[in-house]
mmCIF file of all heavy atoms, coordinates in Angstrom:
data_MODEL
# 
_entry.id   MODEL 
# 
loop_
_atom_site.group_PDB 
_atom_site.id 
_atom_site.type_symbol 
_atom_site.label_atom_id 
_atom_site.label_alt_id 
_atom_site.label_comp_id 
_atom_site.label_asym_id 
_atom_site.label_entity_id 
_atom_site.label_seq_id 
_atom_site.pdbx_PDB_ins_code 
_atom_site.Cartn_x 
_atom_site.Cartn_y 
_atom_site.Cartn_z 
_atom_site.occupancy 
_atom_site.B_iso_or_equiv 
_atom_site.pdbx_formal_charge 
_atom_site.auth_seq_id 
_atom_site.auth_comp_id 
_atom_site.auth_asym_id 
_atom_site.auth_atom_id 
_atom_site.pdbx_PDB_model_num 
ATOM 1   N N   . TYR A 1 1  ? 0.865  -1.172  0.000  1.00 0.00 ? 1  TYR A N   1 
ATOM 2   C CA  . TYR A 1 1  ? 0.000  0.000   0.000  1.00 0.00 ? 1  TYR A CA  1 
ATOM 3   C C   . TYR A 1 1  ? 0.904  1.225   0.000  1.00 0.00 ? 1  TYR A C   1 
ATOM 4   O O   . TYR A 1 1  ? 1.704  1.432   0.919  1.00 0.00 ? 1  TYR A O   1 
ATOM 5   C CB  . TYR A 1 1  ? -0.905 0.022   1.230  1.00 0.00 ? 1  TYR A CB  1 
ATOM 6   C CG  . TYR A 1 1  ? -1.680 1.312   1.379  1.00 0.00 ? 1  TYR A CG  1 
ATOM 7   C CD1 . TYR A 1 1  ? -2.687 1.647   0.478  1.00 0.00 ? 1  TYR A CD1 1 
ATOM 8   C CD2 . TYR A 1 1  ? -1.386 2.211   2.398  1.00 0.00 ? 1  TYR A CD2 1 
ATOM 9   C CE1 . TYR A 1 1  ? -3.392 2.832   0.590  1.00 0.00 ? 1  TYR A CE1 1 
ATOM 10  C CE2 . TYR A 1 1  ? -2.095 3.403   2.532  1.00 0.00 ? 1  TYR A CE2 1 
ATOM 11  C CZ  . TYR A 1 1  ? -3.098 3.710   1.627  1.00 0.00 ? 1  TYR A CZ  1 
ATOM 12  O OH  . TYR A 1 1  ? -3.785 4.889   1.743  1.00 0.00 ? 1  TYR A OH  1 
ATOM 13  N N   . PHE A 1 2  ? 0.802  2.050   -1.042 1.00 0.00 ? 2  PHE A N   1 
ATOM 14  C CA  . PHE A 1 2  ? 1.618  3.253   -1.186 1.00 0.00 ? 2  PHE A CA  1 
ATOM 15  C C   . PHE A 1 2  ? 0.833  4.474   -0.716 1.00 0.00 ? 2  PHE A C   1 
ATOM 16  O O   . PHE A 1 2  ? -0.331 4.658   -1.080 1.00 0.00 ? 2  PHE A O   1 
ATOM 17  C CB  . PHE A 1 2  ? 2.010  3.464   -2.649 1.00 0.00 ? 2  PHE A CB  1 
ATOM 18  C CG  . PHE A 1 2  ? 2.892  2.398   -3.222 1.00 0.00 ? 2  PHE A CG  1 
ATOM 19  C CD1 . PHE A 1 2  ? 2.351  1.381   -3.993 1.00 0.00 ? 2  PHE A CD1 1 
ATOM 20  C CD2 . PHE A 1 2  ? 4.262  2.403   -3.011 1.00 0.00 ? 2  PHE A CD2 1 
ATOM 21  C CE1 . PHE A 1 2  ? 3.152  0.397   -4.543 1.00 0.00 ? 2  PHE A CE1 1 
ATOM 22  C CE2 . PHE A 1 2  ? 5.075  1.419   -3.556 1.00 0.00 ? 2  PHE A CE2 1 
ATOM 23  C CZ  . PHE A 1 2  ? 4.521  0.413   -4.318 1.00 0.00 ? 2  PHE A CZ  1 
ATOM 24  N N   . ALA A 1 3  ? 1.482  5.342   0.083  1.00 0.00 ? 3  ALA A N   1 
ATOM 25  C CA  . ALA A 1 3  ? 0.864  6.575   0.553  1.00 0.00 ? 3  ALA A CA  1 
ATOM 26  C C   . ALA A 1 3  ? 1.897  7.688   0.579  1.00 0.00 ? 3  ALA A C   1 
ATOM 27  O O   . ALA A 1 3  ? 3.101  7.455   0.447  1.00 0.00 ? 3  ALA A O   1 
ATOM 28  C CB  . ALA A 1 3  ? 0.251  6.370   1.938  1.00 0.00 ? 3  ALA A CB  1 
ATOM 29  N N   . GLY A 1 4  ? 1.422  8.899   0.763  1.00 0.00 ? 4  GLY A N   1 
ATOM 30  C CA  . GLY A 1 4  ? 2.295  10.072  0.861  1.00 0.00 ? 4  GLY A CA  1 
ATOM 31  C C   . GLY A 1 4  ? 1.873  10.915  2.045  1.00 0.00 ? 4  GLY A C   1 
ATOM 32  O O   . GLY A 1 4  ? 1.829  10.448  3.166  1.00 0.00 ? 4  GLY A O   1 
ATOM 33  N N   . GLU A 1 5  ? 1.575  12.194  1.794  1.00 0.00 ? 5  GLU A N   1 
ATOM 34  C CA  . GLU A 1 5  ? 1.000  13.134  2.752  1.00 0.00 ? 5  GLU A CA  1 
ATOM 35  C C   . GLU A 1 5  ? 1.975  13.651  3.800  1.00 0.00 ? 5  GLU A C   1 
ATOM 36  O O   . GLU A 1 5  ? 2.002  14.852  4.080  1.00 0.00 ? 5  GLU A O   1 
ATOM 37  C CB  . GLU A 1 5  ? -0.238 12.513  3.446  1.00 0.00 ? 5  GLU A CB  1 
ATOM 38  C CG  . GLU A 1 5  ? -0.760 13.234  4.688  1.00 0.00 ? 5  GLU A CG  1 
ATOM 39  C CD  . GLU A 1 5  ? -1.296 14.650  4.410  1.00 0.00 ? 5  GLU A CD  1 
ATOM 40  O OE1 . GLU A 1 5  ? -1.346 15.074  3.231  1.00 0.00 ? 5  GLU A OE1 1 
ATOM 41  O OE2 . GLU A 1 5  ? -1.646 15.345  5.368  1.00 0.00 ? 5  GLU A OE2 1 
ATOM 42  N N   . VAL A 1 6  ? 2.810  12.803  4.388  1.00 0.00 ? 6  VAL A N   1 
ATOM 43  C CA  . VAL A 1 6  ? 3.563  13.201  5.579  1.00 0.00 ? 6  VAL A CA  1 
ATOM 44  C C   . VAL A 1 6  ? 4.986  13.640  5.291  1.00 0.00 ? 6  VAL A C   1 
ATOM 45  O O   . VAL A 1 6  ? 5.733  14.013  6.202  1.00 0.00 ? 6  VAL A O   1 
ATOM 46  C CB  . VAL A 1 6  ? 3.561  12.064  6.626  1.00 0.00 ? 6  VAL A CB  1 
ATOM 47  C CG1 . VAL A 1 6  ? 2.170  11.865  7.191  1.00 0.00 ? 6  VAL A CG1 1 
ATOM 48  C CG2 . VAL A 1 6  ? 4.071  10.765  6.024  1.00 0.00 ? 6  VAL A CG2 1 
ATOM 49  N N   . HIS A 1 7  ? 5.414  13.599  4.023  1.00 0.00 ? 7  HIS A N   1 
ATOM 50  C CA  . HIS A 1 7  ? 6.714  14.132  3.600  1.00 0.00 ? 7  HIS A CA  1 
ATOM 51  C C   . HIS A 1 7  ? 7.899  13.460  4.284  1.00 0.00 ? 7  HIS A C   1 
ATOM 52  O O   . HIS A 1 7  ? 8.917  14.091  4.565  1.00 0.00 ? 7  HIS A O   1 
ATOM 53  C CB  . HIS A 1 7  ? 6.787  15.647  3.839  1.00 0.00 ? 7  HIS A CB  1 
ATOM 54  C CG  . HIS A 1 7  ? 5.616  16.407  3.302  1.00 0.00 ? 7  HIS A CG  1 
ATOM 55  N ND1 . HIS A 1 7  ? 5.314  17.681  3.698  1.00 0.00 ? 7  HIS A ND1 1 
ATOM 56  C CD2 . HIS A 1 7  ? 4.667  16.056  2.394  1.00 0.00 ? 7  HIS A CD2 1 
ATOM 57  C CE1 . HIS A 1 7  ? 4.223  18.092  3.068  1.00 0.00 ? 7  HIS A CE1 1 
ATOM 58  N NE2 . HIS A 1 7  ? 3.817  17.114  2.268  1.00 0.00 ? 7  HIS A NE2 1 
ATOM 59  N N   . ALA A 1 8  ? 7.756  12.186  4.556  1.00 0.00 ? 8  ALA A N   1 
ATOM 60  C CA  . ALA A 1 8  ? 8.826  11.405  5.174  1.00 0.00 ? 8  ALA A CA  1 
ATOM 61  C C   . ALA A 1 8  ? 8.652  9.945   4.778  1.00 0.00 ? 8  ALA A C   1 
ATOM 62  O O   . ALA A 1 8  ? 7.580  9.537   4.325  1.00 0.00 ? 8  ALA A O   1 
ATOM 63  C CB  . ALA A 1 8  ? 8.802  11.553  6.695  1.00 0.00 ? 8  ALA A CB  1 
ATOM 64  N N   . ASN A 1 9  ? 9.709  9.170   4.944  1.00 0.00 ? 9  ASN A N   1 
ATOM 65  C CA  . ASN A 1 9  ? 9.687  7.758   4.565  1.00 0.00 ? 9  ASN A CA  1 
ATOM 66  C C   . ASN A 1 9  ? 9.448  6.876   5.789  1.00 0.00 ? 9  ASN A C   1 
ATOM 67  O O   . ASN A 1 9  ? 10.150 6.994   6.789  1.00 0.00 ? 9  ASN A O   1 
ATOM 68  C CB  . ASN A 1 9  ? 11.023 7.358   3.926  1.00 0.00 ? 9  ASN A CB  1 
ATOM 69  C CG  . ASN A 1 9  ? 11.343 8.176   2.689  1.00 0.00 ? 9  ASN A CG  1 
ATOM 70  O OD1 . ASN A 1 9  ? 10.535 8.273   1.775  1.00 0.00 ? 9  ASN A OD1 1 
ATOM 71  N ND2 . ASN A 1 9  ? 12.528 8.776   2.662  1.00 0.00 ? 9  ASN A ND2 1 
ATOM 72  N N   . THR A 1 10 ? 8.451  5.996   5.684  1.00 0.00 ? 10 THR A N   1 
ATOM 73  C CA  . THR A 1 10 ? 8.201  4.998   6.725  1.00 0.00 ? 10 THR A CA  1 
ATOM 74  C C   . THR A 1 10 ? 7.704  3.722   6.067  1.00 0.00 ? 10 THR A C   1 
ATOM 75  O O   . THR A 1 10 ? 6.739  3.769   5.295  1.00 0.00 ? 10 THR A O   1 
ATOM 76  C CB  . THR A 1 10 ? 7.143  5.460   7.746  1.00 0.00 ? 10 THR A CB  1 
ATOM 77  O OG1 . THR A 1 10 ? 7.482  6.746   8.250  1.00 0.00 ? 10 THR A OG1 1 
ATOM 78  C CG2 . THR A 1 10 ? 7.054  4.476   8.907  1.00 0.00 ? 10 THR A CG2 1 
ATOM 79  N N   . VAL A 1 11 ? 8.340  2.608   6.379  1.00 0.00 ? 11 VAL A N   1 
ATOM 80  C CA  . VAL A 1 11 ? 7.886  1.308   5.901  1.00 0.00 ? 11 VAL A CA  1 
ATOM 81  C C   . VAL A 1 11 ? 7.415  0.509   7.111  1.00 0.00 ? 11 VAL A C   1 
ATOM 82  O O   . VAL A 1 11 ? 8.146  0.354   8.092  1.00 0.00 ? 11 VAL A O   1 
ATOM 83  C CB  . VAL A 1 11 ? 9.008  0.545   5.171  1.00 0.00 ? 11 VAL A CB  1 
ATOM 84  C CG1 . VAL A 1 11 ? 8.524  -0.845  4.749  1.00 0.00 ? 11 VAL A CG1 1 
ATOM 85  C CG2 . VAL A 1 11 ? 9.480  1.333   3.957  1.00 0.00 ? 11 VAL A CG2 1 
ATOM 86  N N   . THR A 1 12 ? 6.190  -0.012  7.034  1.00 0.00 ? 12 THR A N   1 
ATOM 87  C CA  . THR A 1 12 ? 5.612  -0.765  8.141  1.00 0.00 ? 12 THR A CA  1 
ATOM 88  C C   . THR A 1 12 ? 4.964  -2.034  7.610  1.00 0.00 ? 12 THR A C   1 
ATOM 89  O O   . THR A 1 12 ? 4.255  -1.988  6.600  1.00 0.00 ? 12 THR A O   1 
ATOM 90  C CB  . THR A 1 12 ? 4.550  0.055   8.891  1.00 0.00 ? 12 THR A CB  1 
ATOM 91  O OG1 . THR A 1 12 ? 5.024  1.385   9.096  1.00 0.00 ? 12 THR A OG1 1 
ATOM 92  C CG2 . THR A 1 12 ? 4.232  -0.576  10.229 1.00 0.00 ? 12 THR A CG2 1 
ATOM 93  N N   . LYS A 1 13 ? 5.204  -3.134  8.290  1.00 0.00 ? 13 LYS A N   1 
ATOM 94  C CA  . LYS A 1 13 ? 4.558  -4.398  7.926  1.00 0.00 ? 13 LYS A CA  1 
ATOM 95  C C   . LYS A 1 13 ? 3.284  -4.570  8.751  1.00 0.00 ? 13 LYS A C   1 
ATOM 96  O O   . LYS A 1 13 ? 3.275  -4.325  9.952  1.00 0.00 ? 13 LYS A O   1 
ATOM 97  C CB  . LYS A 1 13 ? 5.499  -5.579  8.176  1.00 0.00 ? 13 LYS A CB  1 
ATOM 98  C CG  . LYS A 1 13 ? 4.935  -6.946  7.798  1.00 0.00 ? 13 LYS A CG  1 
ATOM 99  C CD  . LYS A 1 13 ? 5.939  -8.047  8.107  1.00 0.00 ? 13 LYS A CD  1 
ATOM 100 C CE  . LYS A 1 13 ? 5.372  -9.421  7.803  1.00 0.00 ? 13 LYS A CE  1 
ATOM 101 N NZ  . LYS A 1 13 ? 4.199  -9.732  8.655  1.00 0.00 ? 13 LYS A NZ  1 
ATOM 102 N N   . ASP A 1 14 ? 2.214  -4.963  8.083  1.00 0.00 ? 14 ASP A N   1 
ATOM 103 C CA  . ASP A 1 14 ? 0.962  -5.238  8.763  1.00 0.00 ? 14 ASP A CA  1 
ATOM 104 C C   . ASP A 1 14 ? 1.176  -6.315  9.824  1.00 0.00 ? 14 ASP A C   1 
ATOM 105 O O   . ASP A 1 14 ? 1.919  -7.278  9.621  1.00 0.00 ? 14 ASP A O   1 
ATOM 106 C CB  . ASP A 1 14 ? -0.082 -5.709  7.745  1.00 0.00 ? 14 ASP A CB  1 
ATOM 107 C CG  . ASP A 1 14 ? -1.403 -6.065  8.385  1.00 0.00 ? 14 ASP A CG  1 
ATOM 108 O OD1 . ASP A 1 14 ? -1.920 -5.251  9.170  1.00 0.00 ? 14 ASP A OD1 1 
ATOM 109 O OD2 . ASP A 1 14 ? -1.905 -7.173  8.110  1.00 0.00 ? 14 ASP A OD2 1 
ATOM 110 N N   . SER A 1 15 ? 0.503  -6.177  10.953 1.00 0.00 ? 15 SER A N   1 
ATOM 111 C CA  . SER A 1 15 ? 0.715  -7.094  12.077 1.00 0.00 ? 15 SER A CA  1 
ATOM 112 C C   . SER A 1 15 ? 0.178  -8.493  11.817 1.00 0.00 ? 15 SER A C   1 
ATOM 113 O O   . SER A 1 15 ? 0.579  -9.446  12.490 1.00 0.00 ? 15 SER A O   1 
ATOM 114 C CB  . SER A 1 15 ? 0.054  -6.529  13.337 1.00 0.00 ? 15 SER A CB  1 
ATOM 115 O OG  . SER A 1 15 ? -1.350 -6.385  13.136 1.00 0.00 ? 15 SER A OG  1 
ATOM 116 N N   . GLU A 1 16 ? -0.730 -8.654  10.834 1.00 0.00 ? 16 GLU A N   1 
ATOM 117 C CA  . GLU A 1 16 ? -1.370 -9.943  10.625 1.00 0.00 ? 16 GLU A CA  1 
ATOM 118 C C   . GLU A 1 16 ? -1.184 -10.516 9.226  1.00 0.00 ? 16 GLU A C   1 
ATOM 119 O O   . GLU A 1 16 ? -1.829 -11.509 8.876  1.00 0.00 ? 16 GLU A O   1 
ATOM 120 C CB  . GLU A 1 16 ? -2.866 -9.826  10.933 1.00 0.00 ? 16 GLU A CB  1 
ATOM 121 C CG  . GLU A 1 16 ? -3.160 -9.434  12.373 1.00 0.00 ? 16 GLU A CG  1 
ATOM 122 C CD  . GLU A 1 16 ? -4.641 -9.361  12.664 1.00 0.00 ? 16 GLU A CD  1 
ATOM 123 O OE1 . GLU A 1 16 ? -5.424 -9.988  11.902 1.00 0.00 ? 16 GLU A OE1 1 
ATOM 124 O OE2 . GLU A 1 16 ? -5.028 -8.683  13.630 1.00 0.00 ? 16 GLU A OE2 1 
ATOM 125 N N   . SER A 1 17 ? -0.332 -9.901  8.415  1.00 0.00 ? 17 SER A N   1 
ATOM 126 C CA  . SER A 1 17 ? -0.135 -10.397 7.052  1.00 0.00 ? 17 SER A CA  1 
ATOM 127 C C   . SER A 1 17 ? 1.195  -9.882  6.525  1.00 0.00 ? 17 SER A C   1 
ATOM 128 O O   . SER A 1 17 ? 1.954  -9.222  7.235  1.00 0.00 ? 17 SER A O   1 
ATOM 129 C CB  . SER A 1 17 ? -1.280 -9.929  6.144  1.00 0.00 ? 17 SER A CB  1 
ATOM 130 O OG  . SER A 1 17 ? -1.182 -8.540  5.905  1.00 0.00 ? 17 SER A OG  1 
ATOM 131 N N   . ASP A 1 18 ? 1.465  -10.172 5.249  1.00 0.00 ? 18 ASP A N   1 
ATOM 132 C CA  . ASP A 1 18 ? 2.685  -9.677  4.607  1.00 0.00 ? 18 ASP A CA  1 
ATOM 133 C C   . ASP A 1 18 ? 2.461  -8.349  3.896  1.00 0.00 ? 18 ASP A C   1 
ATOM 134 O O   . ASP A 1 18 ? 3.335  -7.887  3.151  1.00 0.00 ? 18 ASP A O   1 
ATOM 135 C CB  . ASP A 1 18 ? 3.204  -10.718 3.605  1.00 0.00 ? 18 ASP A CB  1 
ATOM 136 C CG  . ASP A 1 18 ? 3.766  -11.948 4.289  1.00 0.00 ? 18 ASP A CG  1 
ATOM 137 O OD1 . ASP A 1 18 ? 4.325  -11.805 5.395  1.00 0.00 ? 18 ASP A OD1 1 
ATOM 138 O OD2 . ASP A 1 18 ? 3.648  -13.058 3.738  1.00 0.00 ? 18 ASP A OD2 1 
ATOM 139 N N   . LEU A 1 19 ? 1.317  -7.730  4.103  1.00 0.00 ? 19 LEU A N   1 
ATOM 140 C CA  . LEU A 1 19 ? 1.019  -6.430  3.506  1.00 0.00 ? 19 LEU A CA  1 
ATOM 141 C C   . LEU A 1 19 ? 1.964  -5.369  4.057  1.00 0.00 ? 19 LEU A C   1 
ATOM 142 O O   . LEU A 1 19 ? 2.138  -5.244  5.269  1.00 0.00 ? 19 LEU A O   1 
ATOM 143 C CB  . LEU A 1 19 ? -0.440 -6.065  3.804  1.00 0.00 ? 19 LEU A CB  1 
ATOM 144 C CG  . LEU A 1 19 ? -0.920 -4.660  3.463  1.00 0.00 ? 19 LEU A CG  1 
ATOM 145 C CD1 . LEU A 1 19 ? -0.712 -4.343  1.988  1.00 0.00 ? 19 LEU A CD1 1 
ATOM 146 C CD2 . LEU A 1 19 ? -2.391 -4.517  3.851  1.00 0.00 ? 19 LEU A CD2 1 
ATOM 147 N N   . ILE A 1 20 ? 2.558  -4.614  3.145  1.00 0.00 ? 20 ILE A N   1 
ATOM 148 C CA  . ILE A 1 20 ? 3.498  -3.553  3.508  1.00 0.00 ? 20 ILE A CA  1 
ATOM 149 C C   . ILE A 1 20 ? 2.873  -2.194  3.245  1.00 0.00 ? 20 ILE A C   1 
ATOM 150 O O   . ILE A 1 20 ? 2.296  -1.954  2.179  1.00 0.00 ? 20 ILE A O   1 
ATOM 151 C CB  . ILE A 1 20 ? 4.799  -3.674  2.690  1.00 0.00 ? 20 ILE A CB  1 
ATOM 152 C CG1 . ILE A 1 20 ? 5.606  -4.898  3.117  1.00 0.00 ? 20 ILE A CG1 1 
ATOM 153 C CG2 . ILE A 1 20 ? 5.657  -2.406  2.801  1.00 0.00 ? 20 ILE A CG2 1 
ATOM 154 C CD1 . ILE A 1 20 ? 6.193  -4.802  4.515  1.00 0.00 ? 20 ILE A CD1 1 
ATOM 155 N N   . GLN A 1 21 ? 2.961  -1.288  4.212  1.00 0.00 ? 21 GLN A N   1 
ATOM 156 C CA  . GLN A 1 21 ? 2.634  0.125   3.984  1.00 0.00 ? 21 GLN A CA  1 
ATOM 157 C C   . GLN A 1 21 ? 3.938  0.860   3.711  1.00 0.00 ? 21 GLN A C   1 
ATOM 158 O O   . GLN A 1 21 ? 4.837  0.871   4.552  1.00 0.00 ? 21 GLN A O   1 
ATOM 159 C CB  . GLN A 1 21 ? 1.938  0.738   5.187  1.00 0.00 ? 21 GLN A CB  1 
ATOM 160 C CG  . GLN A 1 21 ? 1.731  2.253   5.057  1.00 0.00 ? 21 GLN A CG  1 
ATOM 161 C CD  . GLN A 1 21 ? 0.981  2.849   6.221  1.00 0.00 ? 21 GLN A CD  1 
ATOM 162 O OE1 . GLN A 1 21 ? -0.239 2.820   6.284  1.00 0.00 ? 21 GLN A OE1 1 
ATOM 163 N NE2 . GLN A 1 21 ? 1.712  3.410   7.184  1.00 0.00 ? 21 GLN A NE2 1 
ATOM 164 N N   . LEU A 1 22 ? 4.034  1.474   2.525  1.00 0.00 ? 22 LEU A N   1 
ATOM 165 C CA  . LEU A 1 22 ? 5.227  2.232   2.150  1.00 0.00 ? 22 LEU A CA  1 
ATOM 166 C C   . LEU A 1 22 ? 4.809  3.689   1.980  1.00 0.00 ? 22 LEU A C   1 
ATOM 167 O O   . LEU A 1 22 ? 4.197  4.072   0.988  1.00 0.00 ? 22 LEU A O   1 
ATOM 168 C CB  . LEU A 1 22 ? 5.831  1.684   0.854  1.00 0.00 ? 22 LEU A CB  1 
ATOM 169 C CG  . LEU A 1 22 ? 7.286  2.040   0.551  1.00 0.00 ? 22 LEU A CG  1 
ATOM 170 C CD1 . LEU A 1 22 ? 7.806  1.227   -0.631 1.00 0.00 ? 22 LEU A CD1 1 
ATOM 171 C CD2 . LEU A 1 22 ? 7.512  3.520   0.259  1.00 0.00 ? 22 LEU A CD2 1 
ATOM 172 N N   . VAL A 1 23 ? 5.126  4.487   2.984  1.00 0.00 ? 23 VAL A N   1 
ATOM 173 C CA  . VAL A 1 23 ? 4.849  5.922   2.948  1.00 0.00 ? 23 VAL A CA  1 
ATOM 174 C C   . VAL A 1 23 ? 6.149  6.621   2.562  1.00 0.00 ? 23 VAL A C   1 
ATOM 175 O O   . VAL A 1 23 ? 7.191  6.376   3.176  1.00 0.00 ? 23 VAL A O   1 
ATOM 176 C CB  . VAL A 1 23 ? 4.359  6.423   4.320  1.00 0.00 ? 23 VAL A CB  1 
ATOM 177 C CG1 . VAL A 1 23 ? 4.016  7.893   4.257  1.00 0.00 ? 23 VAL A CG1 1 
ATOM 178 C CG2 . VAL A 1 23 ? 3.165  5.606   4.781  1.00 0.00 ? 23 VAL A CG2 1 
ATOM 179 N N   . SER A 1 24 ? 6.090  7.468   1.544  1.00 0.00 ? 24 SER A N   1 
ATOM 180 C CA  . SER A 1 24 ? 7.340  8.044   1.029  1.00 0.00 ? 24 SER A CA  1 
ATOM 181 C C   . SER A 1 24 ? 7.212  9.533   0.764  1.00 0.00 ? 24 SER A C   1 
ATOM 182 O O   . SER A 1 24 ? 6.122  10.107  0.827  1.00 0.00 ? 24 SER A O   1 
ATOM 183 C CB  . SER A 1 24 ? 7.755  7.318   -0.255 1.00 0.00 ? 24 SER A CB  1 
ATOM 184 O OG  . SER A 1 24 ? 6.763  7.470   -1.258 1.00 0.00 ? 24 SER A OG  1 
ATOM 185 N N   . ARG A 1 25 ? 8.344  10.136  0.461  1.00 0.00 ? 25 ARG A N   1 
ATOM 186 C CA  . ARG A 1 25 ? 8.385  11.551  0.144  1.00 0.00 ? 25 ARG A CA  1 
ATOM 187 C C   . ARG A 1 25 ? 9.029  11.748  -1.215 1.00 0.00 ? 25 ARG A C   1 
ATOM 188 O O   . ARG A 1 25 ? 9.886  10.968  -1.637 1.00 0.00 ? 25 ARG A O   1 
ATOM 189 C CB  . ARG A 1 25 ? 9.129  12.331  1.219  1.00 0.00 ? 25 ARG A CB  1 
ATOM 190 C CG  . ARG A 1 25 ? 10.630 12.353  1.135  1.00 0.00 ? 25 ARG A CG  1 
ATOM 191 C CD  . ARG A 1 25 ? 11.281 13.072  2.311  1.00 0.00 ? 25 ARG A CD  1 
ATOM 192 N NE  . ARG A 1 25 ? 11.871 14.351  1.964  1.00 0.00 ? 25 ARG A NE  1 
ATOM 193 C CZ  . ARG A 1 25 ? 11.523 15.506  2.511  1.00 0.00 ? 25 ARG A CZ  1 
ATOM 194 N NH1 . ARG A 1 25 ? 10.569 15.545  3.409  1.00 0.00 ? 25 ARG A NH1 1 
ATOM 195 N NH2 . ARG A 1 25 ? 12.101 16.639  2.158  1.00 0.00 ? 25 ARG A NH2 1 
ATOM 196 N N   . GLY A 1 26 ? 8.607  12.810  -1.915 1.00 0.00 ? 26 GLY A N   1 
ATOM 197 C CA  . GLY A 1 26 ? 9.213  13.139  -3.207 1.00 0.00 ? 26 GLY A CA  1 
ATOM 198 C C   . GLY A 1 26 ? 9.303  14.632  -3.409 1.00 0.00 ? 26 GLY A C   1 
ATOM 199 O O   . GLY A 1 26 ? 9.453  15.106  -4.529 1.00 0.00 ? 26 GLY A O   1 
ATOM 200 N N   . ASN A 1 27 ? 9.188  15.381  -2.322 1.00 0.00 ? 27 ASN A N   1 
ATOM 201 C CA  . ASN A 1 27 ? 9.073  16.831  -2.379 1.00 0.00 ? 27 ASN A CA  1 
ATOM 202 C C   . ASN A 1 27 ? 10.139 17.477  -3.262 1.00 0.00 ? 27 ASN A C   1 
ATOM 203 O O   . ASN A 1 27 ? 11.339 17.364  -2.995 1.00 0.00 ? 27 ASN A O   1 
ATOM 204 C CB  . ASN A 1 27 ? 9.168  17.415  -0.970 1.00 0.00 ? 27 ASN A CB  1 
ATOM 205 C CG  . ASN A 1 27 ? 8.142  16.825  -0.036 1.00 0.00 ? 27 ASN A CG  1 
ATOM 206 O OD1 . ASN A 1 27 ? 8.095  15.605  0.148  1.00 0.00 ? 27 ASN A OD1 1 
ATOM 207 N ND2 . ASN A 1 27 ? 7.320  17.658  0.555  1.00 0.00 ? 27 ASN A ND2 1 
# 
């Protein structure tokens, strides 16, 4: 799952699956 909004990079793995949240910046 790709997201933005926060202007910083954070990668988090879902607690119950292999789903990854990848929040990134490109400012």
